[in-house]
């Protein structure tokens, strides 16, 4: 759902600076939520980095590995 929302809100040449900043803010918020979700999934201990990537496709495997390392799971 978040991906669809971002695609709808994708800035184009007709949008003003205010709308572009709003989209950028939305992207940051979506990224933060993806990171929090990945942390919860990894903390559960039930999923590998690759499985977590399937649950949180917004993040790359490298980003999820960095989160796992930060949590002391790697």
PDB file of N, CA and C in Angstrom:
ATOM      1  N   UNK A   1       0.823  -1.181   0.000  1.00  0.00           N
ATOM      2  CA  UNK A   1       0.000   0.000   0.000  1.00  0.00           C
ATOM      3  C   UNK A   1       0.873   1.253   0.000  1.00  0.00           C
ATOM      4  N   UNK A   2       1.923   1.248   0.790  1.00  0.00           N
ATOM      5  CA  UNK A   2       2.812   2.404   0.851  1.00  0.00           C
ATOM      6  C   UNK A   2       3.439   2.668  -0.514  1.00  0.00           C
ATOM      7  N   UNK A   3       3.836   1.606  -1.219  1.00  0.00           N
ATOM      8  CA  UNK A   3       4.440   1.770  -2.536  1.00  0.00           C
ATOM      9  C   UNK A   3       3.442   2.411  -3.492  1.00  0.00           C
ATOM     10  N   UNK A   4       2.198   1.958  -3.465  1.00  0.00           N
ATOM     11  CA  UNK A   4       1.173   2.527  -4.340  1.00  0.00           C
ATOM     12  C   UNK A   4       0.969   4.002  -4.034  1.00  0.00           C
ATOM     13  N   UNK A   5       0.946   4.344  -2.753  1.00  0.00           N
ATOM     14  CA  UNK A   5       0.780   5.738  -2.355  1.00  0.00           C
ATOM     15  C   UNK A   5       1.939   6.585  -2.866  1.00  0.00           C
ATOM     16  N   UNK A   6       3.147   6.074  -2.745  1.00  0.00           N
ATOM     17  CA  UNK A   6       4.309   6.814  -3.235  1.00  0.00           C
ATOM     18  C   UNK A   6       4.256   7.001  -4.746  1.00  0.00           C
ATOM     19  N   UNK A   7       3.803   5.977  -5.456  1.00  0.00           N
ATOM     20  CA  UNK A   7       3.717   6.102  -6.907  1.00  0.00           C
ATOM     21  C   UNK A   7       2.680   7.142  -7.308  1.00  0.00           C
ATOM     22  N   UNK A   8       1.587   7.186  -6.592  1.00  0.00           N
ATOM     23  CA  UNK A   8       0.554   8.182  -6.865  1.00  0.00           C
ATOM     24  C   UNK A   8       1.087   9.583  -6.588  1.00  0.00           C
ATOM     25  N   UNK A   9       1.856   9.712  -5.518  1.00  0.00           N
ATOM     26  CA  UNK A   9       2.344  11.011  -5.089  1.00  0.00           C
ATOM     27  C   UNK A   9       3.675  11.391  -5.753  1.00  0.00           C
ATOM     28  N   UNK A  10       4.159  10.546  -6.667  1.00  0.00           N
ATOM     29  CA  UNK A  10       5.440  10.786  -7.327  1.00  0.00           C
ATOM     30  C   UNK A  10       5.470  12.197  -7.925  1.00  0.00           C
ATOM     31  N   UNK A  11       6.514  12.957  -7.610  1.00  0.00           N
ATOM     32  CA  UNK A  11       6.559  14.316  -8.148  1.00  0.00           C
ATOM     33  C   UNK A  11       6.723  14.310  -9.670  1.00  0.00           C
ATOM     34  N   UNK A  12       6.108  15.251 -10.315  1.00  0.00           N
ATOM     35  CA  UNK A  12       6.314  15.429 -11.744  1.00  0.00           C
ATOM     36  C   UNK A  12       6.519  16.913 -12.018  1.00  0.00           C
ATOM     37  N   UNK A  13       6.661  17.247 -13.254  1.00  0.00           N
ATOM     38  CA  UNK A  13       6.994  18.631 -13.606  1.00  0.00           C
ATOM     39  C   UNK A  13       5.892  19.614 -13.258  1.00  0.00           C
ATOM     40  N   UNK A  14       4.688  19.164 -13.093  1.00  0.00           N
ATOM     41  CA  UNK A  14       3.580  20.070 -12.805  1.00  0.00           C
ATOM     42  C   UNK A  14       3.456  20.403 -11.323  1.00  0.00           C
ATOM     43  N   UNK A  15       4.119  19.686 -10.481  1.00  0.00           N
ATOM     44  CA  UNK A  15       3.991  19.904  -9.041  1.00  0.00           C
ATOM     45  C   UNK A  15       4.866  21.071  -8.594  1.00  0.00           C
ATOM     46  N   UNK A  16       4.378  21.790  -7.592  1.00  0.00           N
ATOM     47  CA  UNK A  16       5.136  22.892  -7.031  1.00  0.00           C
ATOM     48  C   UNK A  16       6.104  22.411  -5.977  1.00  0.00           C
ATOM     49  N   UNK A  17       6.943  23.315  -5.493  1.00  0.00           N
ATOM     50  CA  UNK A  17       7.942  22.964  -4.475  1.00  0.00           C
ATOM     51  C   UNK A  17       7.291  22.421  -3.214  1.00  0.00           C
ATOM     52  N   UNK A  18       6.168  22.999  -2.814  1.00  0.00           N
ATOM     53  CA  UNK A  18       5.486  22.533  -1.601  1.00  0.00           C
ATOM     54  C   UNK A  18       5.052  21.089  -1.710  1.00  0.00           C
ATOM     55  N   UNK A  19       4.526  20.729  -2.861  1.00  0.00           N
ATOM     56  CA  UNK A  19       4.088  19.349  -3.065  1.00  0.00           C
ATOM     57  C   UNK A  19       5.283  18.399  -3.110  1.00  0.00           C
ATOM     58  N   UNK A  20       6.357  18.831  -3.728  1.00  0.00           N
ATOM     59  CA  UNK A  20       7.556  17.983  -3.791  1.00  0.00           C
ATOM     60  C   UNK A  20       8.104  17.750  -2.390  1.00  0.00           C
ATOM     61  N   UNK A  21       8.140  18.789  -1.578  1.00  0.00           N
ATOM     62  CA  UNK A  21       8.618  18.637  -0.197  1.00  0.00           C
ATOM     63  C   UNK A  21       7.706  17.709   0.586  1.00  0.00           C
ATOM     64  N   UNK A  22       6.414  17.777   0.322  1.00  0.00           N
ATOM     65  CA  UNK A  22       5.471  16.893   0.995  1.00  0.00           C
ATOM     66  C   UNK A  22       5.724  15.438   0.611  1.00  0.00           C
ATOM     67  N   UNK A  23       5.991  15.202  -0.661  1.00  0.00           N
ATOM     68  CA  UNK A  23       6.299  13.854  -1.140  1.00  0.00           C
ATOM     69  C   UNK A  23       7.592  13.355  -0.516  1.00  0.00           C
ATOM     70  N   UNK A  24       8.594  14.218  -0.458  1.00  0.00           N
ATOM     71  CA  UNK A  24       9.873  13.828   0.152  1.00  0.00           C
ATOM     72  C   UNK A  24       9.680  13.485   1.624  1.00  0.00           C
ATOM     73  N   UNK A  25       8.867  14.265   2.310  1.00  0.00           N
ATOM     74  CA  UNK A  25       8.576  13.976   3.716  1.00  0.00           C
ATOM     75  C   UNK A  25       7.860  12.650   3.862  1.00  0.00           C
ATOM     76  N   UNK A  26       6.944  12.381   2.960  1.00  0.00           N
ATOM     77  CA  UNK A  26       6.220  11.110   2.982  1.00  0.00           C
ATOM     78  C   UNK A  26       7.173   9.946   2.750  1.00  0.00           C
ATOM     79  N   UNK A  27       8.094  10.126   1.818  1.00  0.00           N
ATOM     80  CA  UNK A  27       9.084   9.065   1.559  1.00  0.00           C
ATOM     81  C   UNK A  27       9.936   8.787   2.791  1.00  0.00           C
ATOM     82  N   UNK A  28      10.357   9.843   3.479  1.00  0.00           N
ATOM     83  CA  UNK A  28      11.161   9.662   4.705  1.00  0.00           C
ATOM     84  C   UNK A  28      10.358   8.903   5.761  1.00  0.00           C
ATOM     85  N   UNK A  29       9.088   9.254   5.894  1.00  0.00           N
ATOM     86  CA  UNK A  29       8.236   8.593   6.878  1.00  0.00           C
ATOM     87  C   UNK A  29       8.043   7.118   6.534  1.00  0.00           C
ATOM     88  N   UNK A  30       7.838   6.827   5.267  1.00  0.00           N
ATOM     89  CA  UNK A  30       7.673   5.438   4.828  1.00  0.00           C
ATOM     90  C   UNK A  30       8.952   4.650   5.098  1.00  0.00           C
ATOM     91  N   UNK A  31      10.102   5.271   4.841  1.00  0.00           N
ATOM     92  CA  UNK A  31      11.390   4.612   5.087  1.00  0.00           C
ATOM     93  C   UNK A  31      11.557   4.313   6.580  1.00  0.00           C
ATOM     94  N   UNK A  32      11.210   5.308   7.430  1.00  0.00           N
ATOM     95  CA  UNK A  32      11.301   5.102   8.881  1.00  0.00           C
ATOM     96  C   UNK A  32      10.413   3.948   9.326  1.00  0.00           C
ATOM     97  N   UNK A  33       9.210   3.885   8.784  1.00  0.00           N
ATOM     98  CA  UNK A  33       8.298   2.800   9.141  1.00  0.00           C
ATOM     99  C   UNK A  33       8.844   1.455   8.679  1.00  0.00           C
ATOM    100  N   UNK A  34       9.450   1.413   7.502  1.00  0.00           N
ATOM    101  CA  UNK A  34      10.040   0.173   6.997  1.00  0.00           C
ATOM    102  C   UNK A  34      11.176  -0.285   7.909  1.00  0.00           C
ATOM    103  N   UNK A  35      11.992   0.647   8.369  1.00  0.00           N
ATOM    104  CA  UNK A  35      13.097   0.317   9.273  1.00  0.00           C
ATOM    105  C   UNK A  35      12.548  -0.230  10.588  1.00  0.00           C
ATOM    106  N   UNK A  36      11.524   0.400  11.125  1.00  0.00           N
ATOM    107  CA  UNK A  36      10.934  -0.069  12.379  1.00  0.00           C
ATOM    108  C   UNK A  36      10.335  -1.465  12.213  1.00  0.00           C
ATOM    109  N   UNK A  37       9.688  -1.696  11.085  1.00  0.00           N
ATOM    110  CA  UNK A  37       9.113  -3.017  10.816  1.00  0.00           C
ATOM    111  C   UNK A  37      10.213  -4.062  10.713  1.00  0.00           C
ATOM    112  N   UNK A  38      11.285  -3.738  10.005  1.00  0.00           N
ATOM    113  CA  UNK A  38      12.403  -4.679   9.874  1.00  0.00           C
ATOM    114  C   UNK A  38      12.993  -4.994  11.245  1.00  0.00           C
ATOM    115  N   UNK A  39      13.127  -3.983  12.090  1.00  0.00           N
ATOM    116  CA  UNK A  39      13.658  -4.218  13.438  1.00  0.00           C
ATOM    117  C   UNK A  39      12.769  -5.179  14.215  1.00  0.00           C
ATOM    118  N   UNK A  40      11.470  -4.985  14.130  1.00  0.00           N
ATOM    119  CA  UNK A  40      10.539  -5.870  14.841  1.00  0.00           C
ATOM    120  C   UNK A  40      10.628  -7.294  14.317  1.00  0.00           C
ATOM    121  N   UNK A  41      10.690  -7.438  13.005  1.00  0.00           N
ATOM    122  CA  UNK A  41      10.769  -8.765  12.393  1.00  0.00           C
ATOM    123  C   UNK A  41      12.063  -9.454  12.814  1.00  0.00           C
ATOM    124  N   UNK A  42      13.178  -8.731  12.759  1.00  0.00           N
ATOM    125  CA  UNK A  42      14.466  -9.317  13.142  1.00  0.00           C
ATOM    126  C   UNK A  42      14.523  -9.643  14.625  1.00  0.00           C
ATOM    127  N   UNK A  43      13.984  -8.761  15.455  1.00  0.00           N
ATOM    128  CA  UNK A  43      13.989  -8.995  16.907  1.00  0.00           C
ATOM    129  C   UNK A  43      13.202 -10.244  17.273  1.00  0.00           C
ATOM    130  N   UNK A  44      12.207 -10.594  16.472  1.00  0.00           N
ATOM    131  CA  UNK A  44      11.414 -11.790  16.775  1.00  0.00           C
ATOM    132  C   UNK A  44      12.283 -13.045  16.731  1.00  0.00           C
ATOM    133  N   UNK A  45      13.377 -12.973  15.953  1.00  0.00           N
ATOM    134  CA  UNK A  45      14.284 -14.113  15.843  1.00  0.00           C
ATOM    135  C   UNK A  45      13.758 -15.233  14.961  1.00  0.00           C
ATOM    136  N   UNK A  46      12.642 -15.008  14.306  1.00  0.00           N
ATOM    137  CA  UNK A  46      12.028 -16.056  13.496  1.00  0.00           C
ATOM    138  C   UNK A  46      12.381 -15.961  12.018  1.00  0.00           C
ATOM    139  N   UNK A  47      13.014 -14.848  11.628  1.00  0.00           N
ATOM    140  CA  UNK A  47      13.260 -14.619  10.210  1.00  0.00           C
ATOM    141  C   UNK A  47      14.713 -14.272   9.950  1.00  0.00           C
ATOM    142  N   UNK A  48      15.215 -14.750   8.825  1.00  0.00           N
ATOM    143  CA  UNK A  48      16.567 -14.399   8.388  1.00  0.00           C
ATOM    144  C   UNK A  48      16.526 -13.027   7.719  1.00  0.00           C
ATOM    145  N   UNK A  49      17.695 -12.523   7.382  1.00  0.00           N
ATOM    146  CA  UNK A  49      17.769 -11.241   6.672  1.00  0.00           C
ATOM    147  C   UNK A  49      17.003 -11.338   5.353  1.00  0.00           C
ATOM    148  N   UNK A  50      17.196 -12.418   4.619  1.00  0.00           N
ATOM    149  CA  UNK A  50      16.535 -12.590   3.327  1.00  0.00           C
ATOM    150  C   UNK A  50      15.026 -12.689   3.490  1.00  0.00           C
ATOM    151  N   UNK A  51      14.564 -13.400   4.519  1.00  0.00           N
ATOM    152  CA  UNK A  51      13.125 -13.497   4.768  1.00  0.00           C
ATOM    153  C   UNK A  51      12.554 -12.152   5.197  1.00  0.00           C
ATOM    154  N   UNK A  52      13.330 -11.405   5.948  1.00  0.00           N
ATOM    155  CA  UNK A  52      12.901 -10.076   6.361  1.00  0.00           C
ATOM    156  C   UNK A  52      12.759  -9.187   5.141  1.00  0.00           C
ATOM    157  N   UNK A  53      13.650  -9.334   4.177  1.00  0.00           N
ATOM    158  CA  UNK A  53      13.586  -8.557   2.933  1.00  0.00           C
ATOM    159  C   UNK A  53      12.276  -8.814   2.201  1.00  0.00           C
ATOM    160  N   UNK A  54      11.800 -10.060   2.250  1.00  0.00           N
ATOM    161  CA  UNK A  54      10.518 -10.383   1.621  1.00  0.00           C
ATOM    162  C   UNK A  54       9.359  -9.693   2.336  1.00  0.00           C
ATOM    163  N   UNK A  55       9.484  -9.534   3.645  1.00  0.00           N
ATOM    164  CA  UNK A  55       8.439  -8.870   4.437  1.00  0.00           C
ATOM    165  C   UNK A  55       8.494  -7.354   4.306  1.00  0.00           C
ATOM    166  N   UNK A  56       9.693  -6.830   4.071  1.00  0.00           N
ATOM    167  CA  UNK A  56       9.901  -5.379   4.012  1.00  0.00           C
ATOM    168  C   UNK A  56      10.645  -5.050   2.707  1.00  0.00           C
ATOM    169  N   UNK A  57       9.937  -5.112   1.580  1.00  0.00           N
ATOM    170  CA  UNK A  57      10.611  -4.912   0.290  1.00  0.00           C
ATOM    171  C   UNK A  57      11.133  -3.496   0.057  1.00  0.00           C
ATOM    172  N   UNK A  58      10.729  -2.552   0.846  1.00  0.00           N
ATOM    173  CA  UNK A  58      11.194  -1.171   0.696  1.00  0.00           C
ATOM    174  C   UNK A  58      12.686  -1.071   1.003  1.00  0.00           C
ATOM    175  N   UNK A  59      13.222  -1.983   1.831  1.00  0.00           N
ATOM    176  CA  UNK A  59      14.631  -1.940   2.230  1.00  0.00           C
ATOM    177  C   UNK A  59      15.441  -2.964   1.439  1.00  0.00           C
ATOM    178  N   UNK A  60      16.683  -2.637   1.190  1.00  0.00           N
ATOM    179  CA  UNK A  60      17.572  -3.569   0.499  1.00  0.00           C
ATOM    180  C   UNK A  60      18.111  -4.588   1.505  1.00  0.00           C
ATOM    181  N   UNK A  61      18.659  -5.657   0.981  1.00  0.00           N
ATOM    182  CA  UNK A  61      19.267  -6.678   1.839  1.00  0.00           C
ATOM    183  C   UNK A  61      20.399  -6.056   2.652  1.00  0.00           C
ATOM    184  N   UNK A  62      21.161  -5.158   2.021  1.00  0.00           N
ATOM    185  CA  UNK A  62      22.274  -4.503   2.722  1.00  0.00           C
ATOM    186  C   UNK A  62      21.766  -3.655   3.889  1.00  0.00           C
ATOM    187  N   UNK A  63      20.664  -2.950   3.676  1.00  0.00           N
ATOM    188  CA  UNK A  63      20.097  -2.141   4.764  1.00  0.00           C
ATOM    189  C   UNK A  63      19.605  -3.019   5.901  1.00  0.00           C
ATOM    190  N   UNK A  64      18.991  -4.141   5.553  1.00  0.00           N
ATOM    191  CA  UNK A  64      18.489  -5.058   6.586  1.00  0.00           C
ATOM    192  C   UNK A  64      19.650  -5.709   7.322  1.00  0.00           C
ATOM    193  N   UNK A  65      20.722  -6.049   6.610  1.00  0.00           N
ATOM    194  CA  UNK A  65      21.912  -6.592   7.275  1.00  0.00           C
ATOM    195  C   UNK A  65      22.489  -5.585   8.261  1.00  0.00           C
ATOM    196  N   UNK A  66      22.522  -4.316   7.867  1.00  0.00           N
ATOM    197  CA  UNK A  66      23.032  -3.276   8.757  1.00  0.00           C
ATOM    198  C   UNK A  66      22.162  -3.161  10.015  1.00  0.00           C
ATOM    199  N   UNK A  67      20.864  -3.285   9.852  1.00  0.00           N
ATOM    200  CA  UNK A  67      19.952  -3.248  10.995  1.00  0.00           C
ATOM    201  C   UNK A  67      20.200  -4.465  11.891  1.00  0.00           C
ATOM    202  N   UNK A  68      20.339  -5.643  11.275  1.00  0.00           N
ATOM    203  CA  UNK A  68      20.598  -6.867  12.050  1.00  0.00           C
ATOM    204  C   UNK A  68      21.912  -6.743  12.803  1.00  0.00           C
ATOM    205  N   UNK A  69      22.924  -6.157  12.179  1.00  0.00           N
ATOM    206  CA  UNK A  69      24.211  -5.971  12.829  1.00  0.00           C
ATOM    207  C   UNK A  69      24.053  -5.001  14.005  1.00  0.00           C
ATOM    208  N   UNK A  70      23.309  -3.930  13.790  1.00  0.00           N
ATOM    209  CA  UNK A  70      23.044  -2.948  14.847  1.00  0.00           C
ATOM    210  C   UNK A  70      22.336  -3.604  16.042  1.00  0.00           C
ATOM    211  N   UNK A  71      21.464  -4.589  15.744  1.00  0.00           N
ATOM    212  CA  UNK A  71      20.755  -5.286  16.806  1.00  0.00           C
ATOM    213  C   UNK A  71      21.573  -6.423  17.414  1.00  0.00           C
ATOM    214  N   UNK A  72      22.779  -6.640  16.879  1.00  0.00           N
ATOM    215  CA  UNK A  72      23.650  -7.694  17.399  1.00  0.00           C
ATOM    216  C   UNK A  72      23.247  -9.079  16.955  1.00  0.00           C
ATOM    217  N   UNK A  73      22.575  -9.156  15.846  1.00  0.00           N
ATOM    218  CA  UNK A  73      22.116 -10.468  15.348  1.00  0.00           C
ATOM    219  C   UNK A  73      23.016 -11.028  14.258  1.00  0.00           C
ATOM    220  N   UNK A  74      24.035 -10.276  13.890  1.00  0.00           N
ATOM    221  CA  UNK A  74      25.009 -10.778  12.906  1.00  0.00           C
ATOM    222  C   UNK A  74      26.381 -10.661  13.526  1.00  0.00           C
TER     223      UNK A  74
END
